[in-house]
């Protein structure tokens, strides 16, 4: 299907909903294609090509909202979906804040479709995974097992139409490679991984990814716990992005309105170090989550959330924005046609500083460089308290001297942000989350 076909389906569903009694209606249609290839021992272990297509319909009847979806776009199935959505509306309570966006004169112009991704043959994509595995195995004889060496890509088509005149569509692509492996020496086994996802096929670097994953595993061989101490802690960009992902939901208007945000009641207050700037940008050039409009057909935008450590705004869709008397930020996200627009992040990231990761280490007389945390999902999203297992590298006199595992980090998300004393210049994205290396002035490291 092409964009016009998707739009025709969406517009037809909206017209039918109006005909059957909806006061207003919105149709979201998407068609997703995904390819994934796993290689092991130079041979293809699994290859999967999947396609997911369907229509989700929201209707408003007297302030009551109803929703239904279908994966069958034939007229009979669409009509049944329309009738079901209207029936579902009768079972909900009226809410004056439920509304649909009006059309905008202009949407962001984004280059998010790379023709090279769908046009490149599968054999070449398989070769990327093979090369990545080969590079990892060749790095060191200690690399014993490559658990997964994978290539993935996808093509996304989305169309949104509503009864107020919104009628928009886009087409996007993405691709990426991922590897996980185990390095061993005697009875000691350590894991390593790396990934590289992009919207441009020619920017993928499987050799670099394979080598980095091997380096991460090999450098951890011989890791042991250290004595408990309170020291400066440096968070690798991957770990920092993980903490940011944990914070993301708390920066939505929905979380605040439901009393589930650690940032509730702190607008225009200092919540982080003045070195911290956090941005959500649905228009980011090269961003995996970039799109000209969100799941409601509202234009995406760049939203500064924390500037100079001060909490400046929250993310909104049209509903949460109406409740707060503000405008949507274009963050009405949908995972698929099977869900209604929730409030979520797009490309959320911590802006980089101007200090290299190496210089962050040189300034530390004794400290802990964290490369992995375990159990981050157990952190409390309301209080911000966390206690996680950690592994990484120990620093003495500005030099990395040994690998460390079997220790724990405990603290609070807001305190962690406030204690950032330096920000690296190495911003890197992991999916829709990005962060540079961060140095925390002091944290408790619990060892033996």
Protein backbone atom coordinates (compact mmCIF):
# COMPACT_ATOMS: atom_id res chain seq x y z
CA UNK A 1 0.00 0.00 0.00
CA UNK A 2 1.09 3.60 -0.50
CA UNK A 3 0.35 6.73 1.49
CA UNK A 4 -2.68 7.65 -0.59
CA UNK A 5 -4.20 4.18 -0.13
CA UNK A 6 -3.75 4.48 3.63
CA UNK A 7 -5.28 7.96 3.64
CA UNK A 8 -8.24 6.76 1.58
CA UNK A 9 -8.89 4.03 4.13
CA UNK A 10 -8.63 6.48 7.02
CA UNK A 11 -10.90 9.08 5.42
CA UNK A 12 -13.48 6.47 4.48
CA UNK A 13 -13.64 5.21 8.09
CA UNK A 14 -14.11 8.77 9.38
CA UNK A 15 -16.93 9.45 6.92
CA UNK A 16 -18.65 6.21 7.89
CA UNK A 17 -18.35 7.04 11.61
CA UNK A 18 -20.02 10.42 11.04
CA UNK A 19 -22.76 8.74 9.03
CA UNK A 20 -23.46 6.30 11.87
CA UNK A 21 -23.80 9.02 14.50
CA UNK A 22 -20.33 9.98 15.77
CA UNK A 23 -20.02 13.72 16.50
CA UNK A 24 -16.36 13.52 15.54
CA UNK A 25 -14.00 10.73 14.57
CA UNK A 26 -10.34 9.93 13.95
CA UNK A 27 -8.82 7.04 12.01
CA UNK A 28 -5.21 5.92 12.37
CA UNK A 29 -3.92 3.47 9.77
CA UNK A 30 -0.46 1.96 9.71
CA UNK A 31 1.42 -0.62 7.69
CA UNK A 32 4.69 -1.89 9.16
CA UNK A 33 7.19 -4.27 7.54
CA UNK A 34 10.07 -5.74 9.54
CA UNK A 35 13.04 -7.92 8.61
CA UNK A 36 15.26 -9.60 11.20
CA UNK A 37 18.23 -11.89 10.58
CA UNK A 38 20.25 -13.79 13.20
CA UNK A 39 23.62 -15.29 12.32
CA UNK A 40 25.62 -17.78 14.35
CA UNK A 41 28.86 -19.42 13.29
CA UNK A 42 28.71 -17.59 9.98
CA UNK A 43 25.39 -19.24 9.10
CA UNK A 44 21.86 -17.84 9.14
CA UNK A 45 20.15 -19.23 12.24
CA UNK A 46 16.80 -17.43 11.86
CA UNK A 47 15.29 -15.00 9.39
CA UNK A 48 11.90 -13.39 9.83
CA UNK A 49 9.91 -11.08 7.60
CA UNK A 50 6.74 -9.73 9.17
CA UNK A 51 4.04 -7.28 8.13
CA UNK A 52 1.45 -5.70 10.39
CA UNK A 53 -1.35 -3.57 8.99
CA UNK A 54 -4.58 -2.22 10.41
CA UNK A 55 -6.86 0.65 11.38
CA UNK A 56 -7.69 2.10 14.78
CA UNK A 57 -10.78 4.31 15.11
CA UNK A 58 -11.62 6.80 17.86
CA UNK A 59 -15.09 8.34 17.96
CA UNK A 60 -16.61 11.02 20.17
CA UNK A 61 -20.32 10.81 20.90
CA UNK A 62 -21.62 13.46 23.29
CA UNK A 63 -18.22 13.84 24.94
CA UNK A 64 -17.87 10.08 25.33
CA UNK A 65 -14.96 8.40 23.60
CA UNK A 66 -15.06 4.97 21.98
CA UNK A 67 -12.29 3.00 20.33
CA UNK A 68 -12.05 -0.11 18.16
CA UNK A 69 -9.54 -1.53 15.70
CA UNK A 70 -9.26 -4.02 12.87
CA UNK A 71 -6.49 -5.65 10.86
CA UNK A 72 -8.88 -6.17 7.93
CA UNK A 73 -9.30 -3.05 5.79
CA UNK A 74 -12.12 -4.45 3.67
CA UNK A 75 -15.29 -2.25 3.76
CA UNK A 76 -17.33 -4.78 5.73
CA UNK A 77 -14.73 -5.07 8.51
CA UNK A 78 -14.26 -1.32 8.67
CA UNK A 79 -18.02 -0.83 9.04
CA UNK A 80 -18.12 -3.38 11.86
CA UNK A 81 -15.23 -1.54 13.56
CA UNK A 82 -17.09 1.77 13.26
CA UNK A 83 -20.20 0.30 14.85
CA UNK A 84 -18.11 -1.27 17.64
CA UNK A 85 -16.35 2.04 18.41
CA UNK A 86 -19.68 3.85 18.68
CA UNK A 87 -21.07 1.10 20.91
CA UNK A 88 -17.95 1.31 23.10
CA UNK A 89 -18.46 5.06 23.51
CA UNK A 90 -21.77 4.45 25.26
CA UNK A 91 -19.92 2.69 28.07
CA UNK A 92 -17.59 5.59 28.92
CA UNK A 93 -18.08 8.77 30.91
CA UNK A 94 -18.32 12.19 29.22
CA UNK A 95 -15.13 14.26 29.42
CA UNK A 96 -14.96 17.81 28.10
CA UNK A 97 -11.21 17.53 27.62
CA UNK A 98 -11.55 14.82 24.99
CA UNK A 99 -11.01 16.45 21.62
CA UNK A 100 -9.29 16.02 18.28
CA UNK A 101 -6.68 18.35 16.76
CA UNK A 102 -7.53 20.66 13.90
CA UNK A 103 -5.38 20.64 10.75
CA UNK A 104 -2.20 22.71 10.68
CA UNK A 105 -1.05 24.80 7.71
CA UNK A 106 2.42 23.27 7.86
CA UNK A 107 4.07 20.15 9.25
CA UNK A 108 7.82 19.57 9.79
CA UNK A 109 9.65 18.49 6.62
CA UNK A 110 11.73 15.46 7.57
CA UNK A 111 13.94 13.16 5.55
CA UNK A 112 13.14 9.85 7.26
CA UNK A 113 12.85 7.43 4.33
CA UNK A 114 15.99 5.77 2.95
CA UNK A 115 15.30 3.96 -0.33
CA UNK A 116 18.48 1.95 0.11
CA UNK A 117 16.96 -0.03 2.98
CA UNK A 118 14.08 -1.70 1.07
CA UNK A 119 16.07 -1.90 -2.18
CA UNK A 120 19.16 -3.66 -0.76
CA UNK A 121 19.15 -7.44 -1.13
CA UNK A 122 18.82 -9.74 1.86
CA UNK A 123 22.20 -11.38 1.19
CA UNK A 124 23.99 -8.08 1.72
CA UNK A 125 22.13 -7.58 4.99
CA UNK A 126 23.05 -11.10 6.12
CA UNK A 127 26.67 -10.25 5.33
CA UNK A 128 26.50 -7.34 7.80
CA UNK A 129 25.64 -9.76 10.59
CA UNK A 130 28.38 -12.18 9.45
CA UNK A 131 31.02 -9.43 9.36
CA UNK A 132 30.01 -8.24 12.83
CA UNK A 133 30.37 -11.75 14.26
CA UNK A 134 33.69 -12.25 12.47
CA UNK A 135 35.09 -8.98 13.84
CA UNK A 136 34.04 -9.89 17.38
CA UNK A 137 35.59 -13.37 17.24
CA UNK A 138 38.78 -12.02 15.70
CA UNK A 139 39.30 -9.44 18.46
CA UNK A 140 40.49 -11.96 21.03
CA UNK A 141 40.70 -15.74 21.52
CA UNK A 142 38.87 -15.11 24.80
CA UNK A 143 35.65 -14.44 22.87
CA UNK A 144 34.12 -17.88 23.31
CA UNK A 145 30.46 -17.57 22.35
CA UNK A 146 28.54 -15.17 20.14
CA UNK A 147 24.99 -15.48 21.44
CA UNK A 148 23.40 -13.31 18.77
CA UNK A 149 24.63 -11.35 15.77
CA UNK A 150 21.63 -9.66 14.22
CA UNK A 151 20.56 -7.31 11.46
CA UNK A 152 17.13 -5.65 11.57
CA UNK A 153 15.26 -3.15 9.47
CA UNK A 154 11.76 -1.86 9.00
CA UNK A 155 9.52 0.27 6.83
CA UNK A 156 6.72 2.26 8.44
CA UNK A 157 3.72 3.87 6.75
CA UNK A 158 1.24 5.93 8.78
CA UNK A 159 -1.88 7.89 7.89
CA UNK A 160 -4.17 9.90 10.17
CA UNK A 161 -7.49 11.51 9.21
CA UNK A 162 -10.16 13.10 11.35
CA UNK A 163 -13.51 14.80 10.94
CA UNK A 164 -12.02 18.26 11.57
CA UNK A 165 -9.99 18.08 8.35
CA UNK A 166 -6.71 16.48 9.38
CA UNK A 167 -5.47 14.26 6.54
CA UNK A 168 -1.75 13.46 6.75
CA UNK A 169 0.58 10.56 5.97
CA UNK A 170 4.28 9.70 6.06
CA UNK A 171 6.66 6.88 5.25
CA UNK A 172 9.81 6.09 7.22
CA UNK A 173 12.55 3.50 7.52
CA UNK A 174 15.13 2.31 10.03
CA UNK A 175 17.88 -0.29 10.20
CA UNK A 176 20.33 -1.61 12.73
CA UNK A 177 22.76 -4.26 13.93
CA UNK A 178 23.10 -5.81 17.38
CA UNK A 179 25.51 -8.33 18.89
CA UNK A 180 25.81 -10.03 22.27
CA UNK A 181 28.63 -12.37 23.25
CA UNK A 182 30.56 -14.05 26.05
CA UNK A 183 34.29 -13.86 26.76
CA UNK A 184 35.87 -16.48 28.98
CA UNK A 185 39.10 -17.20 30.79
CA UNK A 186 39.19 -20.32 32.95
CA UNK A 187 36.00 -20.33 35.01
CA UNK A 188 35.43 -16.61 34.49
CA UNK A 189 32.83 -15.62 31.91
CA UNK A 190 31.79 -12.04 31.07
CA UNK A 191 29.22 -10.70 28.64
CA UNK A 192 29.51 -7.89 26.13
CA UNK A 193 27.19 -6.27 23.61
CA UNK A 194 26.83 -3.32 21.29
CA UNK A 195 24.31 -1.96 18.81
CA UNK A 196 24.00 0.58 16.04
CA UNK A 197 20.57 1.70 14.80
CA UNK A 198 20.08 4.39 12.20
CA UNK A 199 17.67 5.67 9.60
CA UNK A 200 20.46 5.53 7.00
CA UNK A 201 21.69 2.16 5.76
CA UNK A 202 25.12 3.42 4.67
CA UNK A 203 25.87 4.72 8.18
CA UNK A 204 25.82 1.28 9.81
CA UNK A 205 29.25 0.07 10.94
CA UNK A 206 29.03 -3.65 11.82
CA UNK A 207 32.80 -4.05 12.25
CA UNK A 208 32.92 -1.32 14.89
CA UNK A 209 29.93 -2.82 16.69
CA UNK A 210 31.49 -6.29 16.74
CA UNK A 211 34.81 -4.99 18.04
CA UNK A 212 33.20 -2.81 20.72
CA UNK A 213 31.11 -5.71 22.06
CA UNK A 214 34.23 -7.90 22.28
CA UNK A 215 36.20 -5.14 24.03
CA UNK A 216 33.44 -4.73 26.61
CA UNK A 217 33.44 -8.43 27.46
CA UNK A 218 37.22 -8.98 27.47
CA UNK A 219 38.01 -5.96 29.65
CA UNK A 220 35.67 -7.34 32.35
CA UNK A 221 37.55 -10.65 32.72
CA UNK A 222 38.81 -10.99 36.27
CA UNK A 223 36.19 -8.60 37.66
CA UNK A 224 35.68 -8.70 41.44
CA UNK A 225 33.82 -6.66 44.06
CA UNK A 226 35.51 -3.73 45.78
CA UNK A 227 35.24 -2.41 49.31
CA UNK A 228 32.19 -0.24 49.97
CA UNK A 229 32.97 3.43 49.45
CA UNK A 230 31.45 6.79 48.60
CA UNK A 231 33.24 8.03 45.50
CA UNK A 232 32.71 9.91 42.23
CA UNK A 233 30.82 7.74 39.75
CA UNK A 234 30.98 7.99 35.96
CA UNK A 235 28.01 6.63 34.02
CA UNK A 236 28.76 5.24 30.56
CA UNK A 237 26.45 6.80 27.92
CA UNK A 238 24.45 3.54 27.68
CA UNK A 239 23.86 3.51 31.44
CA UNK A 240 23.02 7.23 31.45
CA UNK A 241 20.50 6.62 28.65
CA UNK A 242 18.97 3.85 30.74
CA UNK A 243 18.43 6.22 33.67
CA UNK A 244 16.96 8.77 31.25
CA UNK A 245 14.56 6.14 29.95
CA UNK A 246 13.43 5.53 33.51
CA UNK A 247 12.79 9.26 33.98
CA UNK A 248 11.03 9.77 30.65
CA UNK A 249 7.50 8.79 31.76
CA UNK A 250 7.78 11.14 34.76
CA UNK A 251 8.25 14.03 32.34
CA UNK A 252 4.80 13.57 30.79
CA UNK A 253 1.70 15.56 31.68
CA UNK A 254 -0.19 12.28 32.00
CA UNK A 255 2.08 11.01 34.80
CA UNK A 256 1.78 14.33 36.65
CA UNK A 257 -2.02 14.38 36.35
CA UNK A 258 -2.22 10.82 37.67
CA UNK A 259 0.13 11.52 40.59
CA UNK A 260 2.80 9.19 39.22
CA UNK A 261 5.64 11.60 38.54
CA UNK A 262 8.66 12.39 40.67
CA UNK A 263 8.62 15.85 39.03
CA UNK A 264 5.03 16.72 40.03
CA UNK A 265 4.75 20.22 41.51
CA UNK A 266 8.32 21.13 40.53
CA UNK A 267 7.76 23.19 37.36
CA UNK A 268 10.24 26.10 37.16
CA UNK A 269 12.24 24.63 40.04
CA UNK A 270 15.86 23.44 40.07
CA UNK A 271 15.66 19.65 39.74
CA UNK A 272 19.11 18.91 38.35
CA UNK A 273 22.64 20.25 38.04
CA UNK A 274 22.89 23.41 35.96
CA UNK A 275 24.92 21.33 33.50
CA UNK A 276 21.88 19.19 32.66
CA UNK A 277 19.68 19.99 29.65
CA UNK A 278 17.09 17.40 28.63
CA UNK A 279 15.27 17.72 25.30
CA UNK A 280 12.53 15.74 23.59
CA UNK A 281 12.62 16.30 19.83
CA UNK A 282 10.25 14.55 17.43
CA UNK A 283 11.80 16.50 14.55
CA UNK A 284 15.44 15.54 15.27
CA UNK A 285 17.47 14.98 12.12
CA UNK A 286 18.40 11.31 11.97
CA UNK A 287 16.27 10.45 15.01
CA UNK A 288 14.78 6.96 15.04
CA UNK A 289 11.57 8.33 16.56
CA UNK A 290 11.31 11.38 14.28
CA UNK A 291 8.08 11.89 12.34
CA UNK A 292 6.22 14.92 10.94
CA UNK A 293 3.23 14.30 13.21
CA UNK A 294 2.26 12.19 16.21
CA UNK A 295 -0.40 9.50 16.60
CA UNK A 296 -3.15 12.11 16.54
CA UNK A 297 -1.93 13.99 13.46
CA UNK A 298 -0.54 16.83 15.60
CA UNK A 299 2.82 18.27 14.43
CA UNK A 300 5.84 17.00 16.33
CA UNK A 301 8.18 19.53 17.94
CA UNK A 302 11.34 20.14 19.94
CA UNK A 303 10.45 20.47 23.62
CA UNK A 304 13.04 21.59 26.20
CA UNK A 305 12.11 19.73 29.39
CA UNK A 306 14.97 20.64 31.70
CA UNK A 307 17.20 23.65 30.94
CA UNK A 308 20.18 24.53 33.10
CA UNK A 309 18.79 22.06 35.63
CA UNK A 310 15.41 23.86 35.81
CA UNK A 311 12.23 21.93 34.97
CA UNK A 312 10.61 23.90 32.14
CA UNK A 313 7.78 21.80 30.74
CA UNK A 314 6.08 18.43 30.40
CA UNK A 315 5.13 16.41 27.34
CA UNK A 316 1.49 16.40 26.21
CA UNK A 317 -1.02 14.97 23.80
CA UNK A 318 -4.25 16.88 23.07
CA UNK A 319 -6.08 15.39 26.07
CA UNK A 320 -3.49 16.09 28.78
CA UNK A 321 -2.83 19.50 27.22
CA UNK A 322 -6.55 20.40 27.45
CA UNK A 323 -6.60 19.35 31.11
CA UNK A 324 -3.67 21.66 31.86
CA UNK A 325 -4.82 24.50 29.61
CA UNK A 326 -1.74 24.30 27.37
CA UNK A 327 -0.99 23.17 23.81
CA UNK A 328 -0.02 19.65 22.82
CA UNK A 329 3.71 19.12 22.32
CA UNK A 330 3.05 16.53 19.61
CA UNK A 331 3.73 13.60 21.92
CA UNK A 332 0.56 11.58 21.35
CA UNK A 333 2.41 8.33 20.75
CA UNK A 334 1.01 5.02 19.52
CA UNK A 335 2.72 1.66 19.36
CA UNK A 336 0.31 0.49 16.68
CA UNK A 337 -3.22 0.83 15.34
CA UNK A 338 -4.34 -1.33 18.27
CA UNK A 339 -3.89 1.45 20.85
CA UNK A 340 -5.13 4.97 21.47
CA UNK A 341 -2.67 7.90 21.64
CA UNK A 342 -0.91 7.94 25.00
CA UNK A 343 1.71 10.48 26.05
CA UNK A 344 5.24 9.32 25.41
CA UNK A 345 8.72 10.46 24.50
CA UNK A 346 10.10 10.63 20.96
CA UNK A 347 13.85 11.29 20.69
CA UNK A 348 14.62 12.21 24.29
CA UNK A 349 18.22 13.05 25.15
CA UNK A 350 20.62 14.81 27.48
CA UNK A 351 22.54 17.49 25.59
CA UNK A 352 26.29 16.83 25.42
CA UNK A 353 28.90 18.92 27.18
CA UNK A 354 32.40 19.66 25.91
CA UNK A 355 34.58 17.28 27.91
CA UNK A 356 35.81 13.96 26.50
CA UNK A 357 35.09 10.76 28.47
CA UNK A 358 38.85 10.32 28.86
CA UNK A 359 39.17 13.70 30.57
CA UNK A 360 36.25 12.88 32.87
CA UNK A 361 38.28 9.90 34.10
CA UNK A 362 41.58 11.80 34.40
CA UNK A 363 40.10 14.18 36.97
CA UNK A 364 39.08 11.35 39.35
CA UNK A 365 41.53 10.28 42.06
CA UNK A 366 39.38 7.31 43.06
CA UNK A 367 36.06 6.37 41.51
CA UNK A 368 33.85 3.94 39.65
CA UNK A 369 33.16 3.94 35.90
CA UNK A 370 29.79 2.16 35.50
CA UNK A 371 29.31 0.24 32.26
CA UNK A 372 26.32 -1.89 33.24
CA UNK A 373 23.47 -1.81 35.75
CA UNK A 374 21.07 -4.62 36.62
CA UNK A 375 17.53 -4.21 37.92
CA UNK A 376 16.90 -0.64 36.78
CA UNK A 377 13.27 -1.58 36.11
CA UNK A 378 12.78 -2.03 39.87
CA UNK A 379 13.33 1.70 40.55
CA UNK A 380 10.36 3.61 41.99
CA UNK A 381 9.08 5.98 39.25
CA UNK A 382 7.20 8.14 41.77
CA UNK A 383 9.81 8.64 44.50
CA UNK A 384 12.79 8.18 42.17
CA UNK A 385 14.51 5.83 44.60
CA UNK A 386 16.63 3.06 43.11
CA UNK A 387 18.98 0.28 44.15
CA UNK A 388 20.66 -1.58 41.32
CA UNK A 389 23.45 -4.04 40.73
CA UNK A 390 26.40 -2.59 38.86
CA UNK A 391 29.55 -3.58 37.01
CA UNK A 392 32.31 -1.52 35.46
CA UNK A 393 35.86 -0.32 35.92
CA UNK A 394 37.66 1.03 38.97
CA UNK A 395 39.60 4.30 38.71
CA UNK A 396 42.71 5.24 40.70
CA UNK A 397 44.64 8.47 40.12
CA UNK A 398 42.90 9.16 36.84
CA UNK A 399 43.58 5.70 35.41
CA UNK A 400 41.39 2.63 34.96
CA UNK A 401 43.09 -0.11 36.96
CA UNK A 402 40.71 -3.10 37.21
CA UNK A 403 37.26 -4.46 36.34
CA UNK A 404 34.56 -4.52 39.01
CA UNK A 405 31.40 -6.59 39.44
CA UNK A 406 29.13 -7.65 42.28
CA UNK A 407 28.54 -4.17 43.68
CA UNK A 408 25.40 -2.07 44.09
CA UNK A 409 24.45 1.55 43.57
CA UNK A 410 21.63 3.15 45.56
CA UNK A 411 20.20 6.63 45.46
CA UNK A 412 17.48 8.87 44.12
CA UNK A 413 16.99 10.01 40.53
CA UNK A 414 16.65 13.70 41.39
CA UNK A 415 19.70 13.59 43.66
CA UNK A 416 21.65 11.83 40.93
CA UNK A 417 20.76 14.61 38.48
CA UNK A 418 21.63 17.32 40.97
CA UNK A 419 25.04 15.79 41.64
CA UNK A 420 26.17 15.70 37.99
CA UNK A 421 29.37 17.76 38.00
CA UNK A 422 30.43 17.19 34.39
CA UNK A 423 28.83 16.11 31.09
CA UNK A 424 30.74 14.35 28.32
CA UNK A 425 30.84 15.37 24.68
CA UNK A 426 29.95 11.88 23.42
CA UNK A 427 26.15 11.96 22.99
CA UNK A 428 24.99 8.60 21.65
CA UNK A 429 21.50 7.33 20.96
CA UNK A 430 20.18 3.90 21.87
CA UNK A 431 16.88 3.77 20.03
CA UNK A 432 14.84 6.82 21.00
CA UNK A 433 17.01 7.63 24.05
CA UNK A 434 20.32 9.45 23.96
CA UNK A 435 22.91 10.49 26.52
CA UNK A 436 26.59 11.39 26.85
CA UNK A 437 28.86 10.07 29.59
CA UNK A 438 27.92 11.67 32.94
CA UNK A 439 30.07 12.17 36.02
CA UNK A 440 28.35 12.18 39.42
CA UNK A 441 30.30 13.97 42.13
CA UNK A 442 29.58 11.33 44.79
CA UNK A 443 27.58 8.11 45.16
CA UNK A 444 27.54 5.15 47.54
CA UNK A 445 29.08 2.03 46.02
CA UNK A 446 28.20 -1.03 48.12
CA UNK A 447 30.73 -3.84 47.78
CA UNK A 448 32.03 -6.28 50.39
